[in-house]
């Protein structure tokens, strides 16, 4: 029986991390993930999460100041889109690093 989520550490040095992964068809795939790419995704995830927090704070301050309801609605829509992007980036980051 083949474990679908099976991963085995293949390479681990200063420049890259690699895994052997068994996909859903039972084929072995080698995934090599560069550490600089990992650092890039880490920075990208951090920026996206901070963008979500910034849009949330802007929307809440607009609502508390009794600003335009239309602007508040647009900011909350932007927050949802930013959250979606942040979640996708986090999932990609964890897929390739763990």
Protein backbone atom coordinates (compact mmCIF):
# COMPACT_ATOMS: atom_id res chain seq x y z
CA UNK A 1 0.00 0.00 0.00
CA UNK A 2 1.29 3.43 -0.94
CA UNK A 3 0.96 6.40 1.36
CA UNK A 4 -0.22 9.39 -0.71
CA UNK A 5 1.40 11.96 1.55
CA UNK A 6 4.73 10.16 1.77
CA UNK A 7 7.75 12.46 1.60
CA UNK A 8 11.38 11.52 2.11
CA UNK A 9 14.18 14.03 2.60
CA UNK A 10 16.55 13.67 -0.32
CA UNK A 11 18.93 16.62 -0.31
CA UNK A 12 19.70 19.04 2.44
CA UNK A 13 22.60 21.40 2.02
CA UNK A 14 23.24 25.12 2.19
CA UNK A 15 21.66 25.95 -1.17
CA UNK A 16 18.74 23.58 -1.68
CA UNK A 17 16.30 21.23 -0.03
CA UNK A 18 14.92 18.28 -1.95
CA UNK A 19 12.23 15.69 -1.36
CA UNK A 20 11.08 12.50 -2.96
CA UNK A 21 7.31 12.52 -2.95
CA UNK A 22 4.89 9.79 -3.98
CA UNK A 23 1.97 11.28 -5.90
CA UNK A 24 -1.60 9.93 -6.01
CA UNK A 25 -0.75 7.62 -8.95
CA UNK A 26 2.09 5.98 -7.06
CA UNK A 27 4.87 7.67 -9.04
CA UNK A 28 7.91 9.05 -7.28
CA UNK A 29 8.54 12.75 -7.91
CA UNK A 30 11.64 14.65 -6.94
CA UNK A 31 11.00 18.15 -5.72
CA UNK A 32 14.01 20.41 -5.33
CA UNK A 33 13.30 23.67 -3.58
CA UNK A 34 15.96 26.34 -3.51
CA UNK A 35 16.51 28.00 -0.14
CA UNK A 36 16.56 31.42 -1.74
CA UNK A 37 13.12 30.63 -3.16
CA UNK A 38 12.02 29.65 0.34
CA UNK A 39 13.24 32.97 1.68
CA UNK A 40 11.47 34.76 -1.17
CA UNK A 41 8.17 33.01 -0.34
CA UNK A 42 8.69 33.82 3.34
CA UNK A 43 9.02 37.53 2.52
CA UNK A 44 6.08 37.37 0.09
CA UNK A 45 3.83 35.71 2.69
CA UNK A 46 4.83 38.30 5.30
CA UNK A 47 4.03 41.17 2.94
CA UNK A 48 0.67 39.67 2.00
CA UNK A 49 -0.35 39.16 5.63
CA UNK A 50 0.67 42.73 6.48
CA UNK A 51 -1.35 43.98 3.50
CA UNK A 52 -4.42 42.15 4.85
CA UNK A 53 -3.90 43.72 8.27
CA UNK A 54 -3.46 47.18 6.76
CA UNK A 55 -6.66 46.96 4.70
CA UNK A 56 -8.54 45.63 7.72
CA UNK A 57 -7.36 48.52 9.88
CA UNK A 58 -8.24 51.06 7.18
CA UNK A 59 -11.73 49.57 6.86
CA UNK A 60 -12.31 49.56 10.61
CA UNK A 61 -11.12 53.15 11.05
CA UNK A 62 -13.37 54.27 8.20
CA UNK A 63 -16.30 52.49 9.85
CA UNK A 64 -15.54 53.94 13.31
CA UNK A 65 -15.24 57.47 11.92
CA UNK A 66 -18.62 56.94 10.26
CA UNK A 67 -17.05 57.45 6.85
CA UNK A 68 -18.54 56.58 3.53
CA UNK A 69 -20.31 53.22 3.57
CA UNK A 70 -19.32 52.71 -0.05
CA UNK A 71 -15.62 53.15 0.79
CA UNK A 72 -15.92 50.78 3.74
CA UNK A 73 -17.55 48.17 1.50
CA UNK A 74 -14.77 48.52 -1.09
CA UNK A 75 -12.10 48.14 1.60
CA UNK A 76 -13.73 44.99 2.97
CA UNK A 77 -13.91 43.51 -0.55
CA UNK A 78 -10.22 44.33 -1.01
CA UNK A 79 -9.50 42.63 2.30
CA UNK A 80 -11.22 39.43 1.17
CA UNK A 81 -9.21 39.40 -2.05
CA UNK A 82 -5.97 40.06 -0.13
CA UNK A 83 -6.81 37.24 2.29
CA UNK A 84 -7.42 34.86 -0.59
CA UNK A 85 -4.02 35.70 -2.09
CA UNK A 86 -2.32 35.37 1.30
CA UNK A 87 -3.88 31.95 1.94
CA UNK A 88 -2.84 30.68 -1.50
CA UNK A 89 0.74 31.89 -0.93
CA UNK A 90 0.84 30.26 2.51
CA UNK A 91 -0.40 26.96 1.06
CA UNK A 92 2.22 27.06 -1.72
CA UNK A 93 4.93 27.91 0.83
CA UNK A 94 4.02 24.97 3.08
CA UNK A 95 3.60 22.57 0.15
CA UNK A 96 7.16 23.16 -1.01
CA UNK A 97 8.87 23.44 2.36
CA UNK A 98 7.25 20.67 4.45
